[in-house]
Amino acid sequence: MQNLNKAWAAASGATRDALKNCVHLRGGRVVRIDACKDYPRLEEFVRTFADSKVYIGVGSWNGNPGNPSDNNNVSEYGWLGS
C-alpha cells in the first residue's frame, strides 16, 4: 500500500481523473482498488510501481496469453503447475 499511495500522490491530475471510478480513497489516501482485469488503465498504473514484484492479476487463463510478467511471477512459485 505504501508504494501505491506514493504512486498515487505523484500521479498527474489526468491519471487520477481516469482512475477515479476504480481507486477508492479515504482522507486522500488509497484504501482500495478494483480488479485490474476490469480496468486496463488501472493495470497500467499499478505496473508503474509493482510490475514483476507481485502478481497483478492478468496471467494466462482460458486461452488468454496474459501478461508475461504475471506469468513469470506465478511460475516462479509453481502456481502454474510447472
N, C-alpha and C. Protein backbone atom coordinates (compact mmCIF):
# COMPACT_ATOMS: atom_id res chain seq x y z
N MET A 1 0.82 -1.20 0.00
CA MET A 1 0.00 0.00 0.00
C MET A 1 0.86 1.26 0.00
N GLN A 2 2.05 1.18 0.63
CA GLN A 2 2.91 2.36 0.64
C GLN A 2 3.30 2.76 -0.77
N ASN A 3 3.69 1.78 -1.58
CA ASN A 3 4.06 2.08 -2.96
C ASN A 3 2.88 2.61 -3.76
N LEU A 4 1.71 2.05 -3.51
CA LEU A 4 0.51 2.51 -4.19
C LEU A 4 0.21 3.96 -3.82
N ASN A 5 0.23 4.28 -2.55
CA ASN A 5 -0.06 5.64 -2.13
C ASN A 5 1.00 6.63 -2.61
N LYS A 6 2.25 6.21 -2.64
CA LYS A 6 3.32 7.07 -3.15
C LYS A 6 3.09 7.36 -4.64
N ALA A 7 2.76 6.32 -5.41
CA ALA A 7 2.49 6.49 -6.84
C ALA A 7 1.25 7.36 -7.06
N TRP A 8 0.23 7.18 -6.23
CA TRP A 8 -0.99 7.97 -6.35
C TRP A 8 -0.69 9.45 -6.07
N ALA A 9 0.11 9.72 -5.06
CA ALA A 9 0.46 11.10 -4.72
C ALA A 9 1.22 11.77 -5.85
N ALA A 10 2.01 11.00 -6.58
CA ALA A 10 2.82 11.54 -7.67
C ALA A 10 2.08 11.54 -9.01
N ALA A 11 0.92 10.91 -9.07
CA ALA A 11 0.18 10.80 -10.34
C ALA A 11 -0.34 12.15 -10.80
N SER A 12 -0.41 12.30 -12.09
CA SER A 12 -0.94 13.54 -12.67
C SER A 12 -2.45 13.63 -12.41
N GLY A 13 -2.96 14.82 -12.57
CA GLY A 13 -4.40 15.02 -12.44
C GLY A 13 -5.17 14.22 -13.47
N ALA A 14 -4.61 14.10 -14.67
CA ALA A 14 -5.28 13.32 -15.72
C ALA A 14 -5.35 11.84 -15.34
N THR A 15 -4.27 11.32 -14.75
CA THR A 15 -4.27 9.92 -14.32
C THR A 15 -5.29 9.71 -13.21
N ARG A 16 -5.28 10.58 -12.24
CA ARG A 16 -6.23 10.46 -11.14
C ARG A 16 -7.67 10.53 -11.64
N ASP A 17 -7.92 11.43 -12.56
CA ASP A 17 -9.26 11.56 -13.12
C ASP A 17 -9.66 10.29 -13.88
N ALA A 18 -8.72 9.71 -14.62
CA ALA A 18 -9.01 8.50 -15.39
C ALA A 18 -9.30 7.30 -14.48
N LEU A 19 -8.77 7.33 -13.27
CA LEU A 19 -8.91 6.19 -12.36
C LEU A 19 -9.91 6.44 -11.23
N LYS A 20 -10.62 7.55 -11.27
CA LYS A 20 -11.49 7.91 -10.14
C LYS A 20 -12.58 6.89 -9.85
N ASN A 21 -12.97 6.08 -10.84
CA ASN A 21 -14.03 5.09 -10.60
C ASN A 21 -13.52 3.76 -10.07
N CYS A 22 -12.21 3.58 -10.04
CA CYS A 22 -11.68 2.28 -9.60
C CYS A 22 -10.63 2.39 -8.49
N VAL A 23 -10.29 3.60 -8.10
CA VAL A 23 -9.38 3.83 -6.97
C VAL A 23 -10.21 4.52 -5.89
N HIS A 24 -10.23 3.91 -4.72
CA HIS A 24 -11.09 4.39 -3.64
C HIS A 24 -10.24 4.99 -2.53
N LEU A 25 -10.59 6.20 -2.15
CA LEU A 25 -9.80 6.97 -1.20
C LEU A 25 -10.54 7.20 0.10
N ARG A 26 -9.75 7.42 1.13
CA ARG A 26 -10.28 7.88 2.42
C ARG A 26 -9.23 8.85 2.97
N GLY A 27 -9.63 10.07 3.18
CA GLY A 27 -8.70 11.06 3.67
C GLY A 27 -7.54 11.33 2.71
N GLY A 28 -7.79 11.18 1.42
CA GLY A 28 -6.77 11.42 0.41
C GLY A 28 -5.82 10.28 0.16
N ARG A 29 -5.97 9.19 0.91
CA ARG A 29 -5.10 8.01 0.75
C ARG A 29 -5.90 6.87 0.13
N VAL A 30 -5.23 6.09 -0.69
CA VAL A 30 -5.88 4.95 -1.32
C VAL A 30 -6.13 3.88 -0.26
N VAL A 31 -7.37 3.40 -0.20
CA VAL A 31 -7.71 2.33 0.74
C VAL A 31 -8.10 1.05 0.01
N ARG A 32 -8.44 1.19 -1.29
CA ARG A 32 -8.84 0.01 -2.06
C ARG A 32 -8.79 0.35 -3.53
N ILE A 33 -8.44 -0.66 -4.34
CA ILE A 33 -8.56 -0.52 -5.79
C ILE A 33 -9.37 -1.70 -6.30
N ASP A 34 -10.04 -1.48 -7.41
CA ASP A 34 -10.81 -2.54 -8.04
C ASP A 34 -9.87 -3.47 -8.80
N ALA A 35 -10.41 -4.52 -9.37
CA ALA A 35 -9.61 -5.51 -10.09
C ALA A 35 -9.01 -4.91 -11.36
N CYS A 36 -7.71 -5.09 -11.51
CA CYS A 36 -7.01 -4.57 -12.70
C CYS A 36 -7.57 -5.15 -13.98
N LYS A 37 -8.03 -6.40 -13.94
CA LYS A 37 -8.54 -7.03 -15.16
C LYS A 37 -9.76 -6.31 -15.72
N ASP A 38 -10.45 -5.55 -14.86
CA ASP A 38 -11.64 -4.82 -15.29
C ASP A 38 -11.33 -3.40 -15.74
N TYR A 39 -10.12 -2.94 -15.46
CA TYR A 39 -9.73 -1.56 -15.76
C TYR A 39 -8.32 -1.53 -16.34
N PRO A 40 -8.18 -1.61 -17.65
CA PRO A 40 -6.84 -1.63 -18.27
C PRO A 40 -5.97 -0.44 -17.86
N ARG A 41 -6.56 0.73 -17.69
CA ARG A 41 -5.78 1.90 -17.28
C ARG A 41 -5.25 1.73 -15.86
N LEU A 42 -6.02 1.08 -15.00
CA LEU A 42 -5.57 0.79 -13.64
C LEU A 42 -4.41 -0.19 -13.67
N GLU A 43 -4.51 -1.20 -14.52
CA GLU A 43 -3.40 -2.16 -14.65
C GLU A 43 -2.13 -1.43 -15.06
N GLU A 44 -2.24 -0.54 -16.03
CA GLU A 44 -1.08 0.23 -16.50
C GLU A 44 -0.48 1.04 -15.34
N PHE A 45 -1.32 1.67 -14.54
CA PHE A 45 -0.86 2.46 -13.39
C PHE A 45 -0.17 1.57 -12.35
N VAL A 46 -0.78 0.46 -12.01
CA VAL A 46 -0.22 -0.43 -10.99
C VAL A 46 1.13 -0.99 -11.44
N ARG A 47 1.27 -1.27 -12.72
CA ARG A 47 2.54 -1.79 -13.22
C ARG A 47 3.68 -0.77 -13.09
N THR A 48 3.37 0.52 -12.95
CA THR A 48 4.44 1.51 -12.81
C THR A 48 5.21 1.33 -11.51
N PHE A 49 4.62 0.71 -10.51
CA PHE A 49 5.33 0.53 -9.24
C PHE A 49 5.37 -0.92 -8.76
N ALA A 50 4.61 -1.82 -9.37
CA ALA A 50 4.53 -3.18 -8.84
C ALA A 50 4.89 -4.28 -9.83
N ASP A 51 5.17 -3.92 -11.08
CA ASP A 51 5.43 -4.93 -12.09
C ASP A 51 6.61 -5.81 -11.69
N SER A 52 6.45 -7.09 -11.84
CA SER A 52 7.42 -8.15 -11.52
C SER A 52 7.68 -8.31 -10.03
N LYS A 53 6.99 -7.55 -9.20
CA LYS A 53 7.14 -7.68 -7.75
C LYS A 53 6.01 -8.51 -7.15
N VAL A 54 4.82 -8.41 -7.75
CA VAL A 54 3.64 -9.13 -7.29
C VAL A 54 2.83 -9.57 -8.50
N TYR A 55 1.95 -10.52 -8.26
CA TYR A 55 1.02 -10.93 -9.32
C TYR A 55 -0.08 -9.88 -9.39
N ILE A 56 -0.19 -9.23 -10.53
CA ILE A 56 -1.15 -8.13 -10.68
C ILE A 56 -2.52 -8.64 -11.10
N GLY A 57 -2.59 -9.80 -11.68
CA GLY A 57 -3.89 -10.39 -11.94
C GLY A 57 -4.25 -10.56 -13.40
N VAL A 58 -3.26 -10.56 -14.27
CA VAL A 58 -3.55 -10.70 -15.68
C VAL A 58 -2.66 -11.81 -16.26
N GLY A 59 -2.66 -12.95 -15.60
CA GLY A 59 -1.89 -14.10 -16.08
C GLY A 59 -2.66 -14.86 -17.13
N SER A 60 -1.99 -15.82 -17.72
CA SER A 60 -2.65 -16.61 -18.76
C SER A 60 -3.76 -17.45 -18.15
N TRP A 61 -4.86 -17.49 -18.89
CA TRP A 61 -6.02 -18.23 -18.39
C TRP A 61 -7.03 -18.37 -19.51
N ASN A 62 -7.52 -19.56 -19.70
CA ASN A 62 -8.64 -19.82 -20.60
C ASN A 62 -8.40 -19.26 -22.02
N GLY A 63 -7.21 -19.51 -22.54
CA GLY A 63 -6.90 -19.08 -23.90
C GLY A 63 -6.30 -17.69 -24.00
N ASN A 64 -6.36 -16.90 -22.94
CA ASN A 64 -5.75 -15.57 -22.93
C ASN A 64 -4.28 -15.74 -22.57
N PRO A 65 -3.36 -15.19 -23.39
CA PRO A 65 -1.94 -15.37 -23.09
C PRO A 65 -1.48 -14.64 -21.83
N GLY A 66 -2.25 -13.70 -21.36
CA GLY A 66 -1.90 -12.98 -20.14
C GLY A 66 -0.74 -12.04 -20.33
N ASN A 67 -0.23 -11.54 -19.22
CA ASN A 67 0.91 -10.64 -19.22
C ASN A 67 2.16 -11.45 -18.89
N PRO A 68 3.22 -11.35 -19.68
CA PRO A 68 4.43 -12.14 -19.42
C PRO A 68 4.99 -11.95 -18.01
N SER A 69 4.94 -10.75 -17.49
CA SER A 69 5.45 -10.50 -16.14
C SER A 69 4.65 -11.27 -15.10
N ASP A 70 3.33 -11.27 -15.23
CA ASP A 70 2.49 -12.03 -14.30
C ASP A 70 2.73 -13.53 -14.45
N ASN A 71 2.84 -13.99 -15.69
CA ASN A 71 3.09 -15.41 -15.92
C ASN A 71 4.41 -15.84 -15.29
N ASN A 72 5.45 -15.04 -15.45
CA ASN A 72 6.74 -15.36 -14.84
C ASN A 72 6.67 -15.32 -13.33
N ASN A 73 5.95 -14.37 -12.80
CA ASN A 73 5.84 -14.23 -11.35
C ASN A 73 5.21 -15.47 -10.73
N VAL A 74 4.12 -15.95 -11.29
CA VAL A 74 3.47 -17.11 -10.69
C VAL A 74 4.22 -18.40 -10.99
N SER A 75 4.89 -18.49 -12.13
CA SER A 75 5.60 -19.72 -12.44
C SER A 75 6.80 -19.91 -11.52
N GLU A 76 7.37 -18.82 -11.00
CA GLU A 76 8.47 -18.91 -10.04
C GLU A 76 8.07 -19.69 -8.81
N TYR A 77 6.81 -19.59 -8.44
CA TYR A 77 6.31 -20.23 -7.22
C TYR A 77 5.57 -21.52 -7.51
N GLY A 78 5.58 -21.95 -8.78
CA GLY A 78 4.94 -23.20 -9.12
C GLY A 78 3.43 -23.14 -9.19
N TRP A 79 2.85 -21.95 -9.22
CA TRP A 79 1.40 -21.80 -9.22
C TRP A 79 0.78 -22.22 -10.53
N LEU A 80 1.58 -22.32 -11.58
CA LEU A 80 1.04 -22.72 -12.87
C LEU A 80 1.23 -24.21 -13.12
N GLY A 81 1.62 -24.92 -12.09
CA GLY A 81 1.77 -26.36 -12.24
C GLY A 81 3.05 -26.77 -12.92
N SER A 82 4.03 -25.86 -12.99
CA SER A 82 5.29 -26.20 -13.65
C SER A 82 6.21 -26.96 -12.74
